[in-house]
């Protein structure tokens, strides 16, 4: 039994967050005047929930909102979020 072990530590990837507007290989949809569905929903969710929710829950709200939307030809998209956070991350309170 021989393992190919790398000397790099996976610890370098801890506490990282990647949020993409849709899964790889699919187009990100946007409204011609209002802009990106993902960015619009993200901004709205941060504005509405940043004082009480951590970022993972905010991104779940965004995923739910974006996945409910439909384009003129019934197009849809689902955001792709990957997190290696070990604890909840909150935005600081607004001043």
PDB file of N, CA and C in Angstrom:
ATOM      1  N   UNK A   1       0.852  -1.166   0.000  1.00  0.00           N
ATOM      2  CA  UNK A   1       0.000   0.000   0.000  1.00  0.00           C
ATOM      3  C   UNK A   1       0.899   1.230   0.000  1.00  0.00           C
ATOM      4  N   UNK A   2       0.898   1.970  -1.091  1.00  0.00           N
ATOM      5  CA  UNK A   2       1.791   3.109  -1.241  1.00  0.00           C
ATOM      6  C   UNK A   2       0.972   4.377  -1.486  1.00  0.00           C
ATOM      7  N   UNK A   3       1.110   5.356  -0.612  1.00  0.00           N
ATOM      8  CA  UNK A   3       0.402   6.628  -0.767  1.00  0.00           C
ATOM      9  C   UNK A   3       1.326   7.671  -1.381  1.00  0.00           C
ATOM     10  N   UNK A   4       0.808   8.414  -2.320  1.00  0.00           N
ATOM     11  CA  UNK A   4       1.545   9.538  -2.891  1.00  0.00           C
ATOM     12  C   UNK A   4       1.200  10.768  -2.056  1.00  0.00           C
ATOM     13  N   UNK A   5       2.039  11.078  -1.104  1.00  0.00           N
ATOM     14  CA  UNK A   5       1.770  12.156  -0.157  1.00  0.00           C
ATOM     15  C   UNK A   5       2.535  13.405  -0.581  1.00  0.00           C
ATOM     16  N   UNK A   6       1.825  14.496  -0.660  1.00  0.00           N
ATOM     17  CA  UNK A   6       2.472  15.763  -0.992  1.00  0.00           C
ATOM     18  C   UNK A   6       2.950  16.445   0.283  1.00  0.00           C
ATOM     19  N   UNK A   7       3.946  17.276   0.155  1.00  0.00           N
ATOM     20  CA  UNK A   7       4.466  17.968   1.336  1.00  0.00           C
ATOM     21  C   UNK A   7       3.690  19.246   1.640  1.00  0.00           C
ATOM     22  N   UNK A   8       2.798  19.646   0.747  1.00  0.00           N
ATOM     23  CA  UNK A   8       1.983  20.832   0.997  1.00  0.00           C
ATOM     24  C   UNK A   8       0.876  20.508   1.996  1.00  0.00           C
ATOM     25  N   UNK A   9       0.576  21.472   2.810  1.00  0.00           N
ATOM     26  CA  UNK A   9      -0.469  21.295   3.811  1.00  0.00           C
ATOM     27  C   UNK A   9      -1.801  21.819   3.286  1.00  0.00           C
ATOM     28  N   UNK A  10      -2.900  21.080   3.516  1.00  0.00           N
ATOM     29  CA  UNK A  10      -4.200  21.611   3.111  1.00  0.00           C
ATOM     30  C   UNK A  10      -4.614  22.817   3.945  1.00  0.00           C
ATOM     31  N   UNK A  11      -3.891  23.096   5.015  1.00  0.00           N
ATOM     32  CA  UNK A  11      -4.202  24.235   5.866  1.00  0.00           C
ATOM     33  C   UNK A  11      -4.139  25.573   5.152  1.00  0.00           C
ATOM     34  N   UNK A  12      -3.416  25.625   4.043  1.00  0.00           N
ATOM     35  CA  UNK A  12      -3.331  26.881   3.292  1.00  0.00           C
ATOM     36  C   UNK A  12      -4.658  27.234   2.633  1.00  0.00           C
ATOM     37  N   UNK A  13      -5.596  26.293   2.613  1.00  0.00           N
ATOM     38  CA  UNK A  13      -6.902  26.525   1.999  1.00  0.00           C
ATOM     39  C   UNK A  13      -8.018  26.701   3.031  1.00  0.00           C
ATOM     40  N   UNK A  14      -7.658  26.883   4.288  1.00  0.00           N
ATOM     41  CA  UNK A  14      -8.659  27.058   5.335  1.00  0.00           C
ATOM     42  C   UNK A  14      -9.094  28.521   5.376  1.00  0.00           C
ATOM     43  N   UNK A  15     -10.348  28.725   5.740  1.00  0.00           N
ATOM     44  CA  UNK A  15     -10.934  30.060   5.866  1.00  0.00           C
ATOM     45  C   UNK A  15     -10.961  30.822   4.542  1.00  0.00           C
ATOM     46  N   UNK A  16     -11.345  30.111   3.507  1.00  0.00           N
ATOM     47  CA  UNK A  16     -11.511  30.728   2.191  1.00  0.00           C
ATOM     48  C   UNK A  16     -12.966  30.583   1.761  1.00  0.00           C
ATOM     49  N   UNK A  17     -13.419  31.519   0.960  1.00  0.00           N
ATOM     50  CA  UNK A  17     -14.782  31.503   0.439  1.00  0.00           C
ATOM     51  C   UNK A  17     -14.731  31.854  -1.039  1.00  0.00           C
ATOM     52  N   UNK A  18     -15.445  31.062  -1.839  1.00  0.00           N
ATOM     53  CA  UNK A  18     -15.584  31.361  -3.262  1.00  0.00           C
ATOM     54  C   UNK A  18     -17.066  31.327  -3.582  1.00  0.00           C
ATOM     55  N   UNK A  19     -17.569  32.408  -4.122  1.00  0.00           N
ATOM     56  CA  UNK A  19     -18.975  32.470  -4.523  1.00  0.00           C
ATOM     57  C   UNK A  19     -19.015  32.859  -5.994  1.00  0.00           C
ATOM     58  N   UNK A  20     -19.548  31.966  -6.811  1.00  0.00           N
ATOM     59  CA  UNK A  20     -19.652  32.211  -8.246  1.00  0.00           C
ATOM     60  C   UNK A  20     -21.120  32.341  -8.618  1.00  0.00           C
ATOM     61  N   UNK A  21     -21.397  33.161  -9.614  1.00  0.00           N
ATOM     62  CA  UNK A  21     -22.783  33.445  -9.981  1.00  0.00           C
ATOM     63  C   UNK A  21     -23.523  32.226 -10.502  1.00  0.00           C
ATOM     64  N   UNK A  22     -22.813  31.257 -11.036  1.00  0.00           N
ATOM     65  CA  UNK A  22     -23.450  30.028 -11.524  1.00  0.00           C
ATOM     66  C   UNK A  22     -22.417  28.911 -11.563  1.00  0.00           C
ATOM     67  N   UNK A  23     -22.866  27.710 -11.807  1.00  0.00           N
ATOM     68  CA  UNK A  23     -21.943  26.578 -11.864  1.00  0.00           C
ATOM     69  C   UNK A  23     -21.087  26.670 -13.117  1.00  0.00           C
ATOM     70  N   UNK A  24     -19.920  26.083 -13.054  1.00  0.00           N
ATOM     71  CA  UNK A  24     -18.969  26.099 -14.153  1.00  0.00           C
ATOM     72  C   UNK A  24     -19.590  25.552 -15.438  1.00  0.00           C
ATOM     73  N   UNK A  25     -19.343  26.231 -16.536  1.00  0.00           N
ATOM     74  CA  UNK A  25     -19.831  25.767 -17.824  1.00  0.00           C
ATOM     75  C   UNK A  25     -21.168  26.342 -18.250  1.00  0.00           C
ATOM     76  N   UNK A  26     -21.789  27.141 -17.394  1.00  0.00           N
ATOM     77  CA  UNK A  26     -23.083  27.748 -17.714  1.00  0.00           C
ATOM     78  C   UNK A  26     -22.960  29.264 -17.709  1.00  0.00           C
ATOM     79  N   UNK A  27     -23.825  29.913 -18.482  1.00  0.00           N
ATOM     80  CA  UNK A  27     -23.802  31.373 -18.575  1.00  0.00           C
ATOM     81  C   UNK A  27     -24.422  32.011 -17.342  1.00  0.00           C
ATOM     82  N   UNK A  28     -23.822  33.105 -16.901  1.00  0.00           N
ATOM     83  CA  UNK A  28     -24.404  33.915 -15.834  1.00  0.00           C
ATOM     84  C   UNK A  28     -25.380  34.891 -16.484  1.00  0.00           C
ATOM     85  N   UNK A  29     -26.586  34.930 -15.968  1.00  0.00           N
ATOM     86  CA  UNK A  29     -27.633  35.751 -16.569  1.00  0.00           C
ATOM     87  C   UNK A  29     -27.683  37.130 -15.928  1.00  0.00           C
ATOM     88  N   UNK A  30     -28.110  38.111 -16.720  1.00  0.00           N
ATOM     89  CA  UNK A  30     -28.247  39.467 -16.200  1.00  0.00           C
ATOM     90  C   UNK A  30     -29.390  40.171 -16.912  1.00  0.00           C
ATOM     91  N   UNK A  31     -29.972  41.113 -16.210  1.00  0.00           N
ATOM     92  CA  UNK A  31     -31.011  41.976 -16.761  1.00  0.00           C
ATOM     93  C   UNK A  31     -30.307  43.126 -17.485  1.00  0.00           C
ATOM     94  N   UNK A  32     -30.828  43.529 -18.640  1.00  0.00           N
ATOM     95  CA  UNK A  32     -30.134  44.552 -19.431  1.00  0.00           C
ATOM     96  C   UNK A  32     -30.046  45.907 -18.729  1.00  0.00           C
ATOM     97  N   UNK A  33     -30.980  46.227 -17.852  1.00  0.00           N
ATOM     98  CA  UNK A  33     -30.900  47.483 -17.107  1.00  0.00           C
ATOM     99  C   UNK A  33     -30.486  47.285 -15.640  1.00  0.00           C
ATOM    100  N   UNK A  34     -30.950  46.222 -15.015  1.00  0.00           N
ATOM    101  CA  UNK A  34     -30.699  46.009 -13.587  1.00  0.00           C
ATOM    102  C   UNK A  34     -29.393  45.274 -13.314  1.00  0.00           C
ATOM    103  N   UNK A  35     -28.810  44.643 -14.323  1.00  0.00           N
ATOM    104  CA  UNK A  35     -27.528  43.973 -14.153  1.00  0.00           C
ATOM    105  C   UNK A  35     -27.645  42.520 -13.714  1.00  0.00           C
ATOM    106  N   UNK A  36     -26.565  42.015 -13.147  1.00  0.00           N
ATOM    107  CA  UNK A  36     -26.423  40.608 -12.772  1.00  0.00           C
ATOM    108  C   UNK A  36     -27.427  40.188 -11.698  1.00  0.00           C
ATOM    109  N   UNK A  37     -28.099  39.068 -11.946  1.00  0.00           N
ATOM    110  CA  UNK A  37     -29.021  38.519 -10.938  1.00  0.00           C
ATOM    111  C   UNK A  37     -28.274  38.229  -9.647  1.00  0.00           C
ATOM    112  N   UNK A  38     -27.102  37.655  -9.767  1.00  0.00           N
ATOM    113  CA  UNK A  38     -26.326  37.248  -8.601  1.00  0.00           C
ATOM    114  C   UNK A  38     -25.881  38.461  -7.787  1.00  0.00           C
ATOM    115  N   UNK A  39     -25.267  39.437  -8.442  1.00  0.00           N
ATOM    116  CA  UNK A  39     -24.765  40.610  -7.720  1.00  0.00           C
ATOM    117  C   UNK A  39     -25.911  41.405  -7.104  1.00  0.00           C
ATOM    118  N   UNK A  40     -27.008  41.551  -7.843  1.00  0.00           N
ATOM    119  CA  UNK A  40     -28.173  42.253  -7.292  1.00  0.00           C
ATOM    120  C   UNK A  40     -28.711  41.573  -6.047  1.00  0.00           C
ATOM    121  N   UNK A  41     -28.851  40.249  -6.108  1.00  0.00           N
ATOM    122  CA  UNK A  41     -29.347  39.494  -4.948  1.00  0.00           C
ATOM    123  C   UNK A  41     -28.352  39.532  -3.799  1.00  0.00           C
ATOM    124  N   UNK A  42     -27.064  39.454  -4.107  1.00  0.00           N
ATOM    125  CA  UNK A  42     -26.036  39.510  -3.068  1.00  0.00           C
ATOM    126  C   UNK A  42     -26.068  40.862  -2.352  1.00  0.00           C
ATOM    127  N   UNK A  43     -26.121  41.939  -3.108  1.00  0.00           N
ATOM    128  CA  UNK A  43     -26.180  43.279  -2.493  1.00  0.00           C
ATOM    129  C   UNK A  43     -27.434  43.448  -1.637  1.00  0.00           C
ATOM    130  N   UNK A  44     -28.574  42.998  -2.153  1.00  0.00           N
ATOM    131  CA  UNK A  44     -29.824  43.092  -1.386  1.00  0.00           C
ATOM    132  C   UNK A  44     -29.745  42.278  -0.097  1.00  0.00           C
ATOM    133  N   UNK A  45     -29.191  41.061  -0.189  1.00  0.00           N
ATOM    134  CA  UNK A  45     -29.108  40.186   0.989  1.00  0.00           C
ATOM    135  C   UNK A  45     -28.142  40.747   2.028  1.00  0.00           C
ATOM    136  N   UNK A  46     -27.018  41.280   1.580  1.00  0.00           N
ATOM    137  CA  UNK A  46     -26.077  41.890   2.521  1.00  0.00           C
ATOM    138  C   UNK A  46     -26.732  43.096   3.191  1.00  0.00           C
ATOM    139  N   UNK A  47     -27.407  43.912   2.405  1.00  0.00           N
ATOM    140  CA  UNK A  47     -28.079  45.092   2.949  1.00  0.00           C
ATOM    141  C   UNK A  47     -29.147  44.712   3.979  1.00  0.00           C
ATOM    142  N   UNK A  48     -29.889  43.650   3.700  1.00  0.00           N
ATOM    143  CA  UNK A  48     -31.005  43.257   4.573  1.00  0.00           C
ATOM    144  C   UNK A  48     -30.602  42.390   5.758  1.00  0.00           C
ATOM    145  N   UNK A  49     -29.538  41.595   5.617  1.00  0.00           N
ATOM    146  CA  UNK A  49     -29.260  40.565   6.622  1.00  0.00           C
ATOM    147  C   UNK A  49     -27.884  40.639   7.282  1.00  0.00           C
ATOM    148  N   UNK A  50     -27.032  41.578   6.865  1.00  0.00           N
ATOM    149  CA  UNK A  50     -25.663  41.567   7.398  1.00  0.00           C
ATOM    150  C   UNK A  50     -25.586  41.864   8.888  1.00  0.00           C
ATOM    151  N   UNK A  51     -26.596  42.503   9.439  1.00  0.00           N
ATOM    152  CA  UNK A  51     -26.551  42.805  10.876  1.00  0.00           C
ATOM    153  C   UNK A  51     -26.934  41.610  11.741  1.00  0.00           C
ATOM    154  N   UNK A  52     -27.513  40.565  11.121  1.00  0.00           N
ATOM    155  CA  UNK A  52     -27.988  39.440  11.934  1.00  0.00           C
ATOM    156  C   UNK A  52     -27.529  38.061  11.453  1.00  0.00           C
ATOM    157  N   UNK A  53     -27.068  37.947  10.220  1.00  0.00           N
ATOM    158  CA  UNK A  53     -26.712  36.636   9.661  1.00  0.00           C
ATOM    159  C   UNK A  53     -25.228  36.587   9.304  1.00  0.00           C
ATOM    160  N   UNK A  54     -24.658  35.396   9.357  1.00  0.00           N
ATOM    161  CA  UNK A  54     -23.274  35.246   8.911  1.00  0.00           C
ATOM    162  C   UNK A  54     -23.258  35.019   7.397  1.00  0.00           C
ATOM    163  N   UNK A  55     -22.098  35.165   6.793  1.00  0.00           N
ATOM    164  CA  UNK A  55     -21.991  35.182   5.336  1.00  0.00           C
ATOM    165  C   UNK A  55     -22.496  33.888   4.687  1.00  0.00           C
ATOM    166  N   UNK A  56     -22.304  32.746   5.315  1.00  0.00           N
ATOM    167  CA  UNK A  56     -22.792  31.493   4.718  1.00  0.00           C
ATOM    168  C   UNK A  56     -24.314  31.500   4.607  1.00  0.00           C
ATOM    169  N   UNK A  57     -24.991  31.988   5.630  1.00  0.00           N
ATOM    170  CA  UNK A  57     -26.454  32.066   5.568  1.00  0.00           C
ATOM    171  C   UNK A  57     -26.912  33.124   4.566  1.00  0.00           C
ATOM    172  N   UNK A  58     -26.176  34.214   4.469  1.00  0.00           N
ATOM    173  CA  UNK A  58     -26.507  35.234   3.466  1.00  0.00           C
ATOM    174  C   UNK A  58     -26.388  34.644   2.066  1.00  0.00           C
ATOM    175  N   UNK A  59     -25.353  33.874   1.822  1.00  0.00           N
ATOM    176  CA  UNK A  59     -25.176  33.262   0.501  1.00  0.00           C
ATOM    177  C   UNK A  59     -26.226  32.189   0.224  1.00  0.00           C
ATOM    178  N   UNK A  60     -26.732  31.533   1.246  1.00  0.00           N
ATOM    179  CA  UNK A  60     -27.848  30.596   1.058  1.00  0.00           C
ATOM    180  C   UNK A  60     -29.096  31.358   0.625  1.00  0.00           C
ATOM    181  N   UNK A  61     -29.332  32.508   1.220  1.00  0.00           N
ATOM    182  CA  UNK A  61     -30.458  33.360   0.815  1.00  0.00           C
ATOM    183  C   UNK A  61     -30.295  33.762  -0.650  1.00  0.00           C
ATOM    184  N   UNK A  62     -29.089  34.164  -1.028  1.00  0.00           N
ATOM    185  CA  UNK A  62     -28.811  34.558  -2.415  1.00  0.00           C
ATOM    186  C   UNK A  62     -29.063  33.390  -3.362  1.00  0.00           C
ATOM    187  N   UNK A  63     -28.575  32.209  -3.010  1.00  0.00           N
ATOM    188  CA  UNK A  63     -28.779  31.025  -3.852  1.00  0.00           C
ATOM    189  C   UNK A  63     -30.262  30.750  -4.043  1.00  0.00           C
ATOM    190  N   UNK A  64     -31.032  30.834  -2.968  1.00  0.00           N
ATOM    191  CA  UNK A  64     -32.480  30.607  -3.072  1.00  0.00           C
ATOM    192  C   UNK A  64     -33.149  31.641  -3.966  1.00  0.00           C
ATOM    193  N   UNK A  65     -32.787  32.906  -3.798  1.00  0.00           N
ATOM    194  CA  UNK A  65     -33.396  33.973  -4.602  1.00  0.00           C
ATOM    195  C   UNK A  65     -33.043  33.831  -6.083  1.00  0.00           C
ATOM    196  N   UNK A  66     -31.774  33.633  -6.371  1.00  0.00           N
ATOM    197  CA  UNK A  66     -31.333  33.543  -7.767  1.00  0.00           C
ATOM    198  C   UNK A  66     -31.922  32.314  -8.447  1.00  0.00           C
ATOM    199  N   UNK A  67     -31.971  31.195  -7.743  1.00  0.00           N
ATOM    200  CA  UNK A  67     -32.464  29.956  -8.369  1.00  0.00           C
ATOM    201  C   UNK A  67     -33.961  30.003  -8.666  1.00  0.00           C
ATOM    202  N   UNK A  68     -34.699  30.926  -8.040  1.00  0.00           N
ATOM    203  CA  UNK A  68     -36.135  31.078  -8.317  1.00  0.00           C
ATOM    204  C   UNK A  68     -36.404  31.913  -9.569  1.00  0.00           C
ATOM    205  N   UNK A  69     -35.429  32.714  -9.987  1.00  0.00           N
ATOM    206  CA  UNK A  69     -35.636  33.620 -11.125  1.00  0.00           C
ATOM    207  C   UNK A  69     -35.645  32.841 -12.434  1.00  0.00           C
ATOM    208  N   UNK A  70     -36.363  33.382 -13.406  1.00  0.00           N
ATOM    209  CA  UNK A  70     -36.427  32.785 -14.742  1.00  0.00           C
ATOM    210  C   UNK A  70     -36.263  33.882 -15.779  1.00  0.00           C
ATOM    211  N   UNK A  71     -35.511  33.560 -16.831  1.00  0.00           N
ATOM    212  CA  UNK A  71     -35.339  34.482 -17.943  1.00  0.00           C
ATOM    213  C   UNK A  71     -36.524  34.419 -18.888  1.00  0.00           C
ATOM    214  N   UNK A  72     -36.460  35.202 -19.948  1.00  0.00           N
ATOM    215  CA  UNK A  72     -37.577  35.281 -20.897  1.00  0.00           C
ATOM    216  C   UNK A  72     -37.820  33.963 -21.626  1.00  0.00           C
ATOM    217  N   UNK A  73     -36.814  33.120 -21.726  1.00  0.00           N
ATOM    218  CA  UNK A  73     -36.964  31.790 -22.338  1.00  0.00           C
ATOM    219  C   UNK A  73     -36.876  30.684 -21.294  1.00  0.00           C
ATOM    220  N   UNK A  74     -37.271  30.990 -20.061  1.00  0.00           N
ATOM    221  CA  UNK A  74     -37.269  30.062 -18.929  1.00  0.00           C
ATOM    222  C   UNK A  74     -35.859  29.644 -18.491  1.00  0.00           C
ATOM    223  N   UNK A  75     -34.852  30.471 -18.807  1.00  0.00           N
ATOM    224  CA  UNK A  75     -33.500  30.177 -18.347  1.00  0.00           C
ATOM    225  C   UNK A  75     -33.435  30.357 -16.834  1.00  0.00           C
ATOM    226  N   UNK A  76     -32.525  29.641 -16.236  1.00  0.00           N
ATOM    227  CA  UNK A  76     -32.309  29.784 -14.796  1.00  0.00           C
ATOM    228  C   UNK A  76     -30.832  29.570 -14.501  1.00  0.00           C
ATOM    229  N   UNK A  77     -30.459  29.865 -13.295  1.00  0.00           N
ATOM    230  CA  UNK A  77     -29.082  29.602 -12.873  1.00  0.00           C
ATOM    231  C   UNK A  77     -29.056  29.340 -11.371  1.00  0.00           C
ATOM    232  N   UNK A  78     -28.012  28.660 -10.953  1.00  0.00           N
ATOM    233  CA  UNK A  78     -27.830  28.342  -9.540  1.00  0.00           C
ATOM    234  C   UNK A  78     -26.413  28.757  -9.145  1.00  0.00           C
ATOM    235  N   UNK A  79     -26.283  29.689  -8.202  1.00  0.00           N
ATOM    236  CA  UNK A  79     -24.946  30.077  -7.754  1.00  0.00           C
ATOM    237  C   UNK A  79     -24.179  28.897  -7.156  1.00  0.00           C
ATOM    238  N   UNK A  80     -22.864  29.005  -7.219  1.00  0.00           N
ATOM    239  CA  UNK A  80     -21.980  27.967  -6.719  1.00  0.00           C
ATOM    240  C   UNK A  80     -21.136  28.577  -5.606  1.00  0.00           C
ATOM    241  N   UNK A  81     -21.311  28.078  -4.392  1.00  0.00           N
ATOM    242  CA  UNK A  81     -20.598  28.611  -3.232  1.00  0.00           C
ATOM    243  C   UNK A  81     -19.761  27.503  -2.614  1.00  0.00           C
ATOM    244  N   UNK A  82     -18.502  27.808  -2.361  1.00  0.00           N
ATOM    245  CA  UNK A  82     -17.623  26.854  -1.679  1.00  0.00           C
ATOM    246  C   UNK A  82     -16.938  27.585  -0.530  1.00  0.00           C
ATOM    247  N   UNK A  83     -17.014  26.996   0.639  1.00  0.00           N
ATOM    248  CA  UNK A  83     -16.435  27.618   1.823  1.00  0.00           C
ATOM    249  C   UNK A  83     -15.615  26.601   2.608  1.00  0.00           C
ATOM    250  N   UNK A  84     -14.478  27.052   3.096  1.00  0.00           N
ATOM    251  CA  UNK A  84     -13.698  26.238   4.035  1.00  0.00           C
ATOM    252  C   UNK A  84     -13.565  26.966   5.377  1.00  0.00           C
ATOM    253  N   UNK A  85     -14.526  27.856   5.645  1.00  0.00           N
ATOM    254  CA  UNK A  85     -14.534  28.552   6.933  1.00  0.00           C
ATOM    255  C   UNK A  85     -14.698  27.542   8.065  1.00  0.00           C
ATOM    256  N   UNK A  86     -14.022  27.797   9.167  1.00  0.00           N
ATOM    257  CA  UNK A  86     -14.151  26.950  10.346  1.00  0.00           C
ATOM    258  C   UNK A  86     -15.049  27.570  11.406  1.00  0.00           C
ATOM    259  N   UNK A  87     -15.502  28.775  11.144  1.00  0.00           N
ATOM    260  CA  UNK A  87     -16.414  29.445  12.067  1.00  0.00           C
ATOM    261  C   UNK A  87     -17.273  30.420  11.278  1.00  0.00           C
ATOM    262  N   UNK A  88     -18.282  30.967  11.925  1.00  0.00           N
ATOM    263  CA  UNK A  88     -19.156  31.927  11.260  1.00  0.00           C
ATOM    264  C   UNK A  88     -18.413  33.249  11.052  1.00  0.00           C
ATOM    265  N   UNK A  89     -18.672  33.861   9.920  1.00  0.00           N
ATOM    266  CA  UNK A  89     -18.065  35.154   9.597  1.00  0.00           C
ATOM    267  C   UNK A  89     -19.188  36.176   9.443  1.00  0.00           C
ATOM    268  N   UNK A  90     -19.092  37.242  10.206  1.00  0.00           N
ATOM    269  CA  UNK A  90     -20.101  38.301  10.196  1.00  0.00           C
ATOM    270  C   UNK A  90     -19.491  39.599   9.673  1.00  0.00           C
ATOM    271  N   UNK A  91     -20.327  40.426   9.051  1.00  0.00           N
ATOM    272  CA  UNK A  91     -19.897  41.763   8.672  1.00  0.00           C
ATOM    273  C   UNK A  91     -19.915  42.639   9.918  1.00  0.00           C
ATOM    274  N   UNK A  92     -18.991  43.597  10.005  1.00  0.00           N
ATOM    275  CA  UNK A  92     -19.028  44.493  11.165  1.00  0.00           C
ATOM    276  C   UNK A  92     -20.273  45.375  11.113  1.00  0.00           C
ATOM    277  N   UNK A  93     -20.770  45.800  12.270  1.00  0.00           N
ATOM    278  CA  UNK A  93     -21.957  46.662  12.290  1.00  0.00           C
ATOM    279  C   UNK A  93     -21.696  47.969  11.545  1.00  0.00           C
ATOM    280  N   UNK A  94     -22.756  48.484  10.934  1.00  0.00           N
ATOM    281  CA  UNK A  94     -22.643  49.775  10.246  1.00  0.00           C
ATOM    282  C   UNK A  94     -22.564  50.892  11.266  1.00  0.00           C
ATOM    283  N   UNK A  95     -21.858  51.924  10.905  1.00  0.00           N
ATOM    284  CA  UNK A  95     -21.698  53.069  11.809  1.00  0.00           C
ATOM    285  C   UNK A  95     -22.710  54.141  11.500  1.00  0.00           C
TER     286      UNK A  95
END
